[in-house]
Amino acid sequence: MYLRGWASSSLGLPCAGFVAISLVSAGARAEEGAPPQWQVDVKAAYVVLGARAARATGGIMPSVTGLRRWPVREAVDIGVGADVGLFSLGGGTHWLGVLGGPAAAARVLPFRVPLSFELTARVDFGRVPVCNTWGLCLRYVGFFPAAELGVAYQSTPHVAVVATCGVRAIRTFAWSGVSVEPAAAGRIFW
């Protein structure tokens, strides 16, 4: 109990200070006309894990990804951050899966129109429920890396709509393979 209180108070102050300084400096750069450096994506993907049995798990997977971006060239930038998501939402709560971990992204703006192409890689850790062809359903904890390609349309200076299609490597005792995850996302950046 004492250790938990000490950790939250000792980590809370530096983290709060870092966030406050980052937001103030990001706001100052936005006023100067610098490109946005922070972004948050709220995404909904559709995931199917397991064999094509009637008990395949997955479903709607809402997730949130936060990235800090750095320009590399005039039309290219990279980003590093983290994401967290839930899947099998709408099914039984005992099958709810949780994934989260570090993320890295590269974005290219090749045209003068507000359209960008993106590649994101994630190393997600979490709990995944998977069913095999015989109807055996178990939950597995481990690393489940993913990669996705996306196209973003910037509708205003700080808002974009994104369409992505991702693949995730799943390796468990019940089923091993690749899940395909088409998704739509809303993005804000500053």
Protein backbone atom coordinates (compact mmCIF):
# COMPACT_ATOMS: atom_id res chain seq x y z
CA MET A 1 0.00 0.00 0.00
CA TYR A 2 2.77 2.45 0.97
CA LEU A 3 4.80 1.51 -2.14
CA ARG A 4 1.82 2.08 -4.45
CA GLY A 5 1.19 5.56 -2.99
CA TRP A 6 4.89 6.45 -3.22
CA ALA A 7 5.14 5.31 -6.84
CA SER A 8 2.08 7.24 -7.95
CA SER A 9 3.16 10.46 -6.20
CA SER A 10 6.81 10.24 -7.31
CA LEU A 11 5.90 9.45 -10.92
CA GLY A 12 2.83 11.68 -11.10
CA LEU A 13 4.63 15.00 -10.58
CA PRO A 14 7.33 14.55 -13.26
CA CYS A 15 4.78 13.13 -15.72
CA ALA A 16 2.34 15.98 -15.11
CA GLY A 17 5.17 18.50 -15.57
CA PHE A 18 6.30 16.85 -18.81
CA VAL A 19 2.76 16.82 -20.20
CA ALA A 20 2.19 20.50 -19.25
CA ILE A 21 5.48 21.62 -20.84
CA SER A 22 4.77 19.57 -23.97
CA LEU A 23 1.29 21.02 -24.39
CA VAL A 24 2.49 24.60 -23.88
CA SER A 25 5.37 24.19 -26.34
CA ALA A 26 3.11 22.39 -28.85
CA GLY A 27 0.60 25.24 -28.63
CA ALA A 28 3.36 27.81 -29.21
CA ARG A 29 4.64 25.90 -32.28
CA ALA A 30 1.11 25.62 -33.69
CA GLU A 31 0.76 29.39 -33.48
CA GLU A 32 4.06 29.82 -35.36
CA GLY A 33 2.76 27.68 -38.24
CA ALA A 34 4.87 24.60 -37.45
CA PRO A 35 3.41 21.21 -38.42
CA PRO A 36 1.40 19.39 -35.72
CA GLN A 37 3.55 17.17 -33.52
CA TRP A 38 1.04 15.20 -31.40
CA GLN A 39 -1.78 13.02 -32.65
CA VAL A 40 -4.49 10.86 -31.13
CA ASP A 41 -6.44 8.31 -33.19
CA VAL A 42 -9.71 6.75 -32.03
CA LYS A 43 -10.29 3.67 -34.15
CA ALA A 44 -12.86 0.91 -34.63
CA ALA A 45 -11.61 -2.27 -36.33
CA TYR A 46 -13.33 -5.56 -37.09
CA VAL A 47 -11.26 -8.59 -36.04
CA VAL A 48 -11.83 -12.34 -36.42
CA LEU A 49 -9.48 -14.64 -34.51
CA GLY A 50 -9.51 -18.40 -34.64
CA ALA A 51 -10.62 -20.88 -37.23
CA ARG A 52 -13.72 -20.39 -39.33
CA ALA A 53 -15.77 -22.19 -36.71
CA ALA A 54 -19.06 -20.87 -35.40
CA ARG A 55 -17.24 -19.87 -32.21
CA ALA A 56 -14.55 -17.67 -33.79
CA THR A 57 -13.72 -14.78 -31.48
CA GLY A 58 -12.93 -11.18 -32.20
CA GLY A 59 -15.54 -8.69 -33.34
CA ILE A 60 -15.44 -4.94 -32.95
CA MET A 61 -12.13 -3.67 -31.56
CA PRO A 62 -12.13 -0.04 -30.41
CA SER A 63 -8.66 1.34 -29.74
CA VAL A 64 -6.83 4.57 -28.97
CA THR A 65 -3.37 5.38 -30.30
CA GLY A 66 -1.27 8.36 -29.26
CA LEU A 67 1.84 9.38 -31.22
CA ARG A 68 4.51 12.06 -31.05
CA ARG A 69 5.58 12.99 -34.60
CA TRP A 70 8.86 14.40 -35.98
CA PRO A 71 9.34 15.70 -39.53
CA VAL A 72 12.07 13.92 -41.50
CA ARG A 73 11.64 15.76 -44.81
CA GLU A 74 9.14 18.21 -46.19
CA ALA A 75 6.55 15.51 -47.01
CA VAL A 76 7.67 12.71 -44.63
CA ASP A 77 7.38 12.31 -40.87
CA ILE A 78 7.76 9.53 -38.32
CA GLY A 79 5.98 8.95 -35.03
CA VAL A 80 6.46 6.97 -31.84
CA GLY A 81 3.83 6.29 -29.21
CA ALA A 82 1.53 3.65 -27.77
CA ASP A 83 -1.90 2.12 -28.28
CA VAL A 84 -4.47 0.22 -26.25
CA GLY A 85 -7.55 -1.64 -27.48
CA LEU A 86 -10.35 -3.99 -26.50
CA PHE A 87 -11.86 -6.65 -28.69
CA SER A 88 -14.71 -9.11 -28.63
CA LEU A 89 -16.74 -6.12 -27.51
CA GLY A 90 -20.43 -6.93 -27.57
CA GLY A 91 -19.79 -10.61 -26.86
CA GLY A 92 -19.57 -12.22 -23.43
CA THR A 93 -17.42 -10.28 -20.98
CA HIS A 94 -15.43 -13.43 -20.15
CA TRP A 95 -14.13 -13.35 -23.76
CA LEU A 96 -13.06 -9.71 -23.65
CA GLY A 97 -9.52 -9.29 -24.98
CA VAL A 98 -7.13 -6.47 -24.14
CA LEU A 99 -4.09 -5.48 -26.21
CA GLY A 100 -1.66 -2.61 -25.83
CA GLY A 101 1.92 -1.65 -26.45
CA PRO A 102 4.38 0.57 -28.26
CA ALA A 103 3.67 1.83 -31.78
CA ALA A 104 5.80 3.39 -34.52
CA ALA A 105 4.52 5.05 -37.69
CA ALA A 106 5.77 6.63 -40.90
CA ARG A 107 3.66 9.02 -42.95
CA VAL A 108 4.12 10.36 -46.49
CA LEU A 109 2.23 13.35 -47.97
CA PRO A 110 3.14 13.00 -51.67
CA PHE A 111 0.54 15.39 -53.10
CA ARG A 112 -0.62 18.92 -52.49
CA VAL A 113 -4.08 17.62 -51.55
CA PRO A 114 -4.67 16.87 -47.83
CA LEU A 115 -4.13 13.13 -48.31
CA SER A 116 -1.43 11.04 -46.61
CA PHE A 117 -0.32 7.41 -46.75
CA GLU A 118 0.81 5.70 -43.55
CA LEU A 119 2.50 2.56 -42.28
CA THR A 120 2.19 1.67 -38.59
CA ALA A 121 3.85 -1.17 -36.67
CA ARG A 122 2.82 -2.24 -33.16
CA VAL A 123 4.15 -4.76 -30.65
CA ASP A 124 0.99 -5.45 -28.65
CA PHE A 125 0.94 -7.43 -25.44
CA GLY A 126 -2.26 -8.70 -23.90
CA ARG A 127 -4.90 -11.36 -23.52
CA VAL A 128 -6.47 -12.88 -26.64
CA PRO A 129 -9.41 -15.33 -26.64
CA VAL A 130 -9.11 -17.84 -29.52
CA CYS A 131 -11.33 -20.78 -30.57
CA ASN A 132 -10.18 -23.69 -32.70
CA THR A 133 -12.16 -25.71 -35.28
CA TRP A 134 -13.38 -28.16 -32.59
CA GLY A 135 -14.97 -25.40 -30.53
CA LEU A 136 -12.26 -25.32 -27.84
CA CYS A 137 -11.99 -21.70 -26.70
CA LEU A 138 -9.17 -20.51 -24.46
CA ARG A 139 -7.59 -17.19 -23.51
CA TYR A 140 -3.91 -16.66 -24.25
CA VAL A 141 -1.51 -14.05 -22.89
CA GLY A 142 1.45 -13.00 -25.01
CA PHE A 143 2.85 -10.72 -27.69
CA PHE A 144 0.73 -10.24 -30.81
CA PRO A 145 2.54 -7.89 -33.25
CA ALA A 146 0.60 -6.03 -35.92
CA ALA A 147 1.23 -3.84 -38.97
CA GLU A 148 -1.21 -1.68 -40.89
CA LEU A 149 -1.40 0.48 -43.99
CA GLY A 150 -3.63 3.52 -43.98
CA VAL A 151 -4.87 6.50 -45.94
CA ALA A 152 -5.81 9.70 -44.10
CA TYR A 153 -7.83 12.64 -45.38
CA GLN A 154 -7.23 15.85 -43.42
CA SER A 155 -10.61 17.60 -43.34
CA THR A 156 -9.50 20.57 -41.19
CA PRO A 157 -6.10 21.74 -39.89
CA HIS A 158 -6.47 19.57 -36.75
CA VAL A 159 -8.85 16.75 -37.75
CA ALA A 160 -8.51 13.81 -40.15
CA VAL A 161 -10.48 10.73 -41.16
CA VAL A 162 -8.42 7.55 -41.60
CA ALA A 163 -9.09 4.19 -43.28
CA THR A 164 -6.67 1.35 -42.49
CA CYS A 165 -6.22 -2.35 -43.06
CA GLY A 166 -3.98 -4.23 -40.67
CA VAL A 167 -2.68 -7.73 -40.12
CA ARG A 168 -1.81 -9.29 -36.78
CA ALA A 169 0.29 -12.39 -36.11
CA ILE A 170 -1.48 -14.82 -33.76
CA ARG A 171 0.36 -17.86 -32.44
CA THR A 172 -1.45 -19.92 -29.80
CA PHE A 173 -2.06 -23.59 -29.06
CA ALA A 174 -5.66 -23.34 -30.35
CA TRP A 175 -4.93 -21.46 -33.57
CA SER A 176 -2.00 -19.84 -35.34
CA GLY A 177 -2.27 -17.53 -38.29
CA VAL A 178 -2.84 -13.95 -39.34
CA SER A 179 -5.94 -11.93 -38.59
CA VAL A 180 -7.01 -9.16 -40.97
CA GLU A 181 -8.31 -5.98 -39.34
CA PRO A 182 -10.03 -3.38 -41.55
CA ALA A 183 -10.72 -0.18 -39.60
CA ALA A 184 -11.91 3.42 -39.66
CA ALA A 185 -10.53 6.10 -37.34
CA GLY A 186 -10.96 9.70 -36.37
CA ARG A 187 -7.81 11.71 -35.67
CA ILE A 188 -7.04 14.93 -33.87
CA PHE A 189 -3.60 16.50 -33.87
CA TRP A 190 -1.97 19.61 -32.49
